[in-house]
Amino acid sequence: MTEPEIFDGLTAILRQVFDDPGIVATPDLSARDVAEWDSFNHINIVVAAEMRFGVSFKSSELEELRNVGDFAALIQAKTRP
């Protein structure tokens, strides 16, 4: 899966979770940038990403993430053949 495909998928997920058609997944975007990004919505994002990209995340992997760019890189690593 390409990086643009992952960011497009993450944008769709973020728009759905936050009910905001203007939000765009960028590498630097983080929970600090979105007022509604709380622990509940964080879980919703992770579960939606697992379903959309067909991957599973370990808690230890998620604890290392600092922004959407880190999340996209993790997804890309897990979807490589």
Protein backbone atom coordinates (compact mmCIF):
# COMPACT_ATOMS: atom_id res chain seq x y z
CA MET A 1 0.00 0.00 0.00
CA THR A 2 1.36 3.40 -0.92
CA GLU A 3 1.79 6.32 1.45
CA PRO A 4 -0.83 8.44 -0.39
CA GLU A 5 -3.35 5.58 -0.13
CA ILE A 6 -2.71 5.32 3.60
CA PHE A 7 -3.09 9.07 4.15
CA ASP A 8 -6.30 9.06 2.06
CA GLY A 9 -7.65 6.23 4.22
CA LEU A 10 -6.65 7.99 7.43
CA THR A 11 -8.28 11.20 6.21
CA ALA A 12 -11.53 9.31 5.63
CA ILE A 13 -11.31 7.76 9.10
CA LEU A 14 -10.61 11.09 10.81
CA ARG A 15 -13.47 12.77 8.94
CA GLN A 16 -15.85 10.05 10.06
CA VAL A 17 -14.68 9.90 13.68
CA PHE A 18 -14.69 13.67 14.16
CA ASP A 19 -17.63 14.37 11.81
CA ASP A 20 -15.48 17.01 10.14
CA PRO A 21 -15.33 16.98 6.32
CA GLY A 22 -12.45 19.48 6.37
CA ILE A 23 -9.95 17.52 8.43
CA VAL A 24 -6.97 16.16 6.51
CA ALA A 25 -4.50 13.56 7.72
CA THR A 26 -1.03 15.07 7.48
CA PRO A 27 2.23 13.68 8.88
CA ASP A 28 2.43 16.32 11.62
CA LEU A 29 -1.22 16.11 12.75
CA SER A 30 -1.60 14.91 16.33
CA ALA A 31 -4.20 14.72 19.08
CA ARG A 32 -3.08 18.14 20.30
CA ASP A 33 -4.33 19.65 17.04
CA VAL A 34 -7.90 18.34 17.29
CA ALA A 35 -9.97 19.39 20.32
CA GLU A 36 -12.25 16.34 20.10
CA TRP A 37 -9.34 13.85 19.96
CA ASP A 38 -9.76 12.20 23.33
CA SER A 39 -9.03 8.65 24.47
CA PHE A 40 -12.41 7.38 23.25
CA ASN A 41 -11.93 8.82 19.77
CA HIS A 42 -8.35 7.56 19.75
CA ILE A 43 -9.66 4.02 20.18
CA ASN A 44 -12.21 4.62 17.42
CA ILE A 45 -9.43 5.73 15.07
CA VAL A 46 -7.28 2.70 15.86
CA VAL A 47 -10.15 0.22 15.41
CA ALA A 48 -11.25 1.87 12.16
CA ALA A 49 -7.66 1.74 10.85
CA GLU A 50 -7.36 -1.94 11.75
CA MET A 51 -10.55 -2.68 9.85
CA ARG A 52 -9.77 -0.48 6.84
CA PHE A 53 -6.18 -1.62 6.35
CA GLY A 54 -6.55 -5.24 7.55
CA VAL A 55 -3.91 -4.98 10.25
CA SER A 56 -3.69 -5.38 14.03
CA PHE A 57 -1.78 -3.18 16.42
CA LYS A 58 -0.10 -4.05 19.69
CA SER A 59 -0.44 -1.64 22.60
CA SER A 60 3.32 -1.22 22.68
CA GLU A 61 3.32 -0.11 19.02
CA LEU A 62 0.60 2.45 19.65
CA GLU A 63 2.37 3.89 22.68
CA GLU A 64 5.31 4.84 20.45
CA LEU A 65 3.22 6.95 18.06
CA ARG A 66 3.53 10.72 18.27
CA ASN A 67 1.55 11.84 15.21
CA VAL A 68 -0.35 10.69 12.13
CA GLY A 69 2.91 10.33 10.22
CA ASP A 70 4.13 7.73 12.73
CA PHE A 71 0.77 5.95 12.47
CA ALA A 72 0.94 5.93 8.66
CA ALA A 73 4.49 4.52 8.76
CA LEU A 74 3.35 1.74 11.10
CA ILE A 75 0.44 0.90 8.79
CA GLN A 76 2.73 0.88 5.79
CA ALA A 77 5.17 -1.47 7.53
CA LYS A 78 2.33 -3.84 8.40
CA THR A 79 0.86 -3.86 4.88
CA ARG A 80 4.08 -4.54 3.03
CA PRO A 81 4.18 -7.97 1.38
